Amino acid sequence: MSEHPEYNRDTNPYPSFGKKYNGERAIISLTSWTARINTVSKTLFSLIKQCPGFHIVLVLSEEEFPKMMDELPDNLKLFVDNELIELLWVYKNYRSFKKIFFTQDKYRELPIISADDGCIYIRNFAQELYDNWFKEKNKIISQKQFQDAKYKIGGGGYGTLYPPYCFKNKALIILTSFYNTLIKNPNDDRFISILAAKLGIKYKFLNNKTFVNITKNDGLSELGKYKGGRNTEFEKMVKLV
């Protein structure tokens, strides 16, 4: 059974275990939840194999896993105990909204690349995103674009690179101030795109397929828990901040 030391969230708001950052060029960040926690190790293995040279951070909620490390499957704890990935904890269950924002706050000098816990990555998509961003450092680089009449919307799960600390403190202020509204509109891709538009951050889309699915009937859409989110709700929150 893995043990974790006592910590003080006042001085260490994002306690982490496992691998320490070691000068990698960028961070790959993803999250998971109870329905996929037993298979997320497959995604992590593919990221380690396909994307060498990137620091991998898995963000979990203590509210969802109260026993923290002691509640996780052994196949996941192996990655943490052998310092192959960093496991970062936030308290509240921000669902998909915790995928990149807390990692970006911790690693403010580095690009953050999103990944999805329901995918196996079949090539070094992170390097491809990084190479494109290196040429256009003010842009968000996304592997996929979703259609919307008003906004450019990227696909975080497909792999998206966000420039260092590009949302500054805006995203976390909105996340903590409007938690209940966001949870009722759980579309982080749409929210991020509207926030980016308001901050004047442009997208570049590559539109490449980078993974194959590994999970069946456990995604939010399949479980009937996914909601597309409404532009107007996100616009109100972004405008107030």
Protein backbone atom coordinates (compact mmCIF):
# COMPACT_ATOMS: atom_id res chain seq x y z
CA MET A 1 0.00 0.00 0.00
CA SER A 2 1.42 3.37 -1.01
CA GLU A 3 1.71 6.02 1.68
CA HIS A 4 1.79 9.77 1.33
CA PRO A 5 3.20 12.36 3.76
CA GLU A 6 1.07 14.90 5.54
CA TYR A 7 0.73 18.17 3.67
CA ASN A 8 -0.64 21.66 4.23
CA ARG A 9 -2.78 22.99 1.39
CA ASP A 10 -2.15 26.55 2.57
CA THR A 11 1.52 26.22 1.71
CA ASN A 12 1.21 23.46 -0.90
CA PRO A 13 -2.13 23.78 -2.72
CA TYR A 14 -1.23 21.10 -5.29
CA PRO A 15 0.47 18.23 -3.48
CA SER A 16 2.18 15.88 -5.92
CA PHE A 17 3.86 12.49 -5.83
CA GLY A 18 6.06 10.52 -8.16
CA LYS A 19 8.31 12.00 -10.82
CA LYS A 20 9.92 15.40 -10.39
CA TYR A 21 10.21 17.80 -13.30
CA ASN A 22 13.67 17.40 -14.83
CA GLY A 23 14.08 20.08 -17.47
CA GLU A 24 11.75 18.59 -20.10
CA ARG A 25 10.68 20.89 -22.95
CA ALA A 26 6.97 20.81 -22.08
CA ILE A 27 4.36 19.18 -19.86
CA ILE A 28 1.72 16.67 -20.97
CA SER A 29 -1.27 17.02 -18.65
CA LEU A 30 -4.38 14.85 -18.34
CA THR A 31 -7.00 13.94 -15.79
CA SER A 32 -9.13 10.89 -15.01
CA TRP A 33 -12.09 9.80 -12.94
CA THR A 34 -13.60 6.76 -11.25
CA ALA A 35 -14.94 5.14 -14.45
CA ARG A 36 -11.53 5.22 -16.14
CA ILE A 37 -9.06 5.08 -13.28
CA ASN A 38 -8.49 1.36 -13.89
CA THR A 39 -7.51 1.88 -17.54
CA VAL A 40 -5.68 5.21 -17.44
CA SER A 41 -2.40 3.30 -17.04
CA LYS A 42 -2.76 2.19 -20.69
CA THR A 43 -2.90 5.81 -21.77
CA LEU A 44 0.09 6.67 -19.59
CA PHE A 45 2.12 3.82 -21.06
CA SER A 46 1.40 5.04 -24.59
CA LEU A 47 2.41 8.59 -23.65
CA ILE A 48 5.69 7.44 -22.11
CA LYS A 49 6.45 5.22 -25.10
CA GLN A 50 5.42 7.64 -27.86
CA CYS A 51 6.40 10.99 -26.33
CA PRO A 52 9.90 10.78 -24.80
CA GLY A 53 11.31 14.02 -23.46
CA PHE A 54 8.02 15.32 -22.04
CA HIS A 55 7.06 15.48 -18.37
CA ILE A 56 3.68 13.79 -17.76
CA VAL A 57 1.27 15.04 -15.09
CA LEU A 58 -1.94 13.25 -14.10
CA VAL A 59 -4.34 15.50 -12.18
CA LEU A 60 -6.81 13.86 -9.79
CA SER A 61 -9.36 15.14 -7.29
CA GLU A 62 -9.07 14.32 -3.60
CA GLU A 63 -12.81 14.90 -3.31
CA GLU A 64 -13.32 12.04 -5.79
CA PHE A 65 -10.56 9.83 -4.33
CA PRO A 66 -10.55 10.70 -0.58
CA LYS A 67 -7.88 8.12 0.28
CA MET A 68 -5.67 9.50 -2.46
CA MET A 69 -2.86 7.06 -3.34
CA ASP A 70 -4.34 4.30 -1.22
CA GLU A 71 -7.50 4.34 -3.34
CA LEU A 72 -5.80 4.02 -6.73
CA PRO A 73 -5.29 0.76 -8.68
CA ASP A 74 -1.92 -0.93 -8.42
CA ASN A 75 -1.20 -0.54 -12.14
CA LEU A 76 -1.41 3.25 -11.75
CA LYS A 77 0.58 3.36 -8.50
CA LEU A 78 3.42 1.59 -10.29
CA PHE A 79 3.84 4.60 -12.59
CA VAL A 80 3.90 6.95 -9.62
CA ASP A 81 6.10 4.84 -7.32
CA ASN A 82 8.65 4.31 -10.12
CA GLU A 83 8.67 8.05 -10.85
CA LEU A 84 7.51 7.69 -14.43
CA ILE A 85 4.77 10.31 -14.05
CA GLU A 86 3.84 13.08 -11.63
CA LEU A 87 0.53 12.70 -9.84
CA LEU A 88 -0.89 16.11 -8.88
CA TRP A 89 -3.83 16.46 -6.51
CA VAL A 90 -6.46 19.18 -6.32
CA TYR A 91 -9.18 19.05 -3.72
CA LYS A 92 -12.49 19.76 -5.48
CA ASN A 93 -13.69 17.60 -8.33
CA TYR A 94 -13.50 20.08 -11.21
CA ARG A 95 -14.11 17.24 -13.69
CA SER A 96 -12.57 17.93 -17.11
CA PHE A 97 -11.75 21.51 -16.09
CA LYS A 98 -8.85 20.22 -14.00
CA LYS A 99 -7.10 18.77 -17.04
CA ILE A 100 -4.68 21.67 -17.69
CA PHE A 101 -5.36 24.75 -15.54
CA PHE A 102 -3.74 23.59 -12.29
CA THR A 103 -0.75 22.16 -14.15
CA GLN A 104 -0.36 25.44 -16.01
CA ASP A 105 -0.44 27.32 -12.71
CA LYS A 106 2.33 25.12 -11.30
CA TYR A 107 4.52 25.18 -14.43
CA ARG A 108 4.10 28.77 -15.55
CA GLU A 109 7.22 28.90 -17.71
CA LEU A 110 6.36 25.85 -19.83
CA PRO A 111 3.87 24.94 -22.57
CA ILE A 112 1.14 22.57 -21.38
CA ILE A 113 -0.09 19.84 -23.75
CA SER A 114 -3.45 18.23 -23.04
CA ALA A 115 -4.13 14.52 -23.40
CA ASP A 116 -7.15 12.29 -22.75
CA ASP A 117 -7.48 9.30 -20.43
CA GLY A 118 -9.60 7.39 -22.96
CA CYS A 119 -6.96 7.23 -25.67
CA ILE A 120 -3.86 5.33 -26.70
CA TYR A 121 -1.51 7.67 -28.53
CA ILE A 122 0.10 6.11 -31.57
CA ARG A 123 2.81 8.65 -32.39
CA ASN A 124 4.70 11.55 -30.84
CA PHE A 125 1.86 14.05 -31.13
CA ALA A 126 3.43 16.17 -28.37
CA GLN A 127 6.59 16.82 -30.39
CA GLU A 128 4.49 17.74 -33.43
CA LEU A 129 2.50 20.24 -31.38
CA TYR A 130 5.66 21.62 -29.80
CA ASP A 131 7.43 22.07 -33.16
CA ASN A 132 4.45 24.00 -34.55
CA TRP A 133 4.20 26.14 -31.43
CA PHE A 134 7.94 26.92 -31.52
CA LYS A 135 7.34 28.68 -34.84
CA GLU A 136 4.26 30.56 -33.59
CA LYS A 137 4.65 30.95 -29.84
CA ASN A 138 1.64 33.19 -29.31
CA LYS A 139 -0.83 30.61 -30.62
CA ILE A 140 -2.65 27.63 -29.16
CA ILE A 141 -1.84 24.61 -31.33
CA SER A 142 -4.63 22.02 -31.57
CA GLN A 143 -4.83 18.70 -33.39
CA LYS A 144 -8.56 19.10 -34.03
CA GLN A 145 -11.11 21.83 -34.62
CA PHE A 146 -14.78 21.60 -33.65
CA GLN A 147 -17.36 23.56 -35.57
CA ASP A 148 -18.95 26.64 -34.03
CA ALA A 149 -20.56 29.65 -35.67
CA LYS A 150 -18.72 32.15 -33.49
CA TYR A 151 -15.57 30.64 -31.96
CA LYS A 152 -12.54 28.58 -32.92
CA ILE A 153 -12.79 25.51 -30.70
CA GLY A 154 -9.94 23.08 -30.24
CA GLY A 155 -10.08 19.48 -29.06
CA GLY A 156 -8.22 19.10 -25.79
CA GLY A 157 -8.48 15.33 -25.72
CA TYR A 158 -7.07 15.06 -29.23
CA GLY A 159 -3.98 16.94 -28.08
CA THR A 160 -3.68 20.71 -27.72
CA LEU A 161 -0.66 22.81 -26.73
CA TYR A 162 -1.23 25.93 -24.65
CA PRO A 163 1.54 28.58 -24.47
CA PRO A 164 3.15 29.12 -21.05
CA TYR A 165 0.68 30.55 -18.51
CA CYS A 166 -1.38 31.94 -21.41
CA PHE A 167 -4.57 32.25 -19.35
CA LYS A 168 -2.68 33.80 -16.40
CA ASN A 169 -4.94 33.66 -13.33
CA LYS A 170 -8.17 34.15 -15.26
CA ALA A 171 -9.09 30.49 -15.70
CA LEU A 172 -8.62 29.55 -12.05
CA ILE A 173 -10.53 32.62 -10.85
CA ILE A 174 -13.46 31.60 -13.04
CA LEU A 175 -13.12 27.96 -12.03
CA THR A 176 -13.27 28.72 -8.31
CA SER A 177 -15.81 31.58 -8.53
CA PHE A 178 -18.31 29.86 -10.84
CA TYR A 179 -17.75 26.23 -9.92
CA ASN A 180 -21.43 25.27 -9.75
CA THR A 181 -22.25 26.83 -13.11
CA LEU A 182 -19.26 25.25 -14.82
CA ILE A 183 -20.08 21.78 -13.51
CA LYS A 184 -23.53 22.12 -15.05
CA ASN A 185 -21.88 23.05 -18.37
CA PRO A 186 -18.93 20.63 -18.47
CA ASN A 187 -17.38 21.51 -21.81
CA ASP A 188 -13.83 22.58 -21.11
CA ASP A 189 -12.96 22.87 -24.82
CA ARG A 190 -15.73 25.41 -25.43
CA PHE A 191 -14.90 27.32 -22.26
CA ILE A 192 -11.20 27.49 -23.12
CA SER A 193 -11.95 28.68 -26.65
CA ILE A 194 -14.16 31.52 -25.42
CA LEU A 195 -11.61 32.52 -22.80
CA ALA A 196 -8.85 32.46 -25.44
CA ALA A 197 -10.94 34.63 -27.77
CA LYS A 198 -11.53 37.21 -25.04
CA LEU A 199 -7.78 37.27 -24.28
CA GLY A 200 -6.89 37.61 -27.96
CA ILE A 201 -5.15 34.24 -28.22
CA LYS A 202 -5.44 32.65 -31.65
CA TYR A 203 -5.54 28.97 -32.61
CA LYS A 204 -3.65 26.98 -35.20
CA PHE A 205 -5.28 23.66 -36.17
CA LEU A 206 -3.40 20.62 -37.50
CA ASN A 207 -6.39 18.26 -37.85
CA ASN A 208 -4.47 15.01 -37.44
CA LYS A 209 -5.63 11.74 -35.89
CA THR A 210 -3.23 10.83 -33.12
CA PHE A 211 -4.80 8.03 -31.10
CA VAL A 212 -7.13 5.07 -30.99
CA ASN A 213 -9.83 4.70 -28.35
CA ILE A 214 -9.27 2.19 -25.57
CA THR A 215 -12.45 2.52 -23.52
CA LYS A 216 -16.01 1.56 -24.37
CA ASN A 217 -19.30 2.80 -22.93
CA ASP A 218 -17.68 4.74 -20.09
CA GLY A 219 -17.26 8.18 -21.61
CA LEU A 220 -19.49 11.03 -20.50
CA SER A 221 -21.38 10.94 -23.79
CA GLU A 222 -22.07 7.21 -23.58
CA LEU A 223 -23.19 7.54 -19.98
CA GLY A 224 -25.51 10.42 -20.79
CA LYS A 225 -23.60 12.79 -18.50
CA TYR A 226 -21.98 14.96 -21.15
CA LYS A 227 -23.46 18.37 -21.88
CA GLY A 228 -22.23 20.55 -24.69
CA GLY A 229 -22.23 23.74 -22.68
CA ARG A 230 -23.72 27.03 -23.80
CA ASN A 231 -21.66 29.87 -25.22
CA THR A 232 -23.74 32.44 -23.36
CA GLU A 233 -23.00 30.90 -19.96
CA PHE A 234 -19.27 30.86 -20.58
CA GLU A 235 -19.35 34.37 -22.04
CA LYS A 236 -21.00 35.74 -18.88
CA MET A 237 -18.32 34.22 -16.65
CA VAL A 238 -15.42 35.37 -18.82
CA LYS A 239 -16.83 38.89 -19.08
CA LEU A 240 -17.13 39.25 -15.29
CA VAL A 241 -13.46 38.32 -14.81
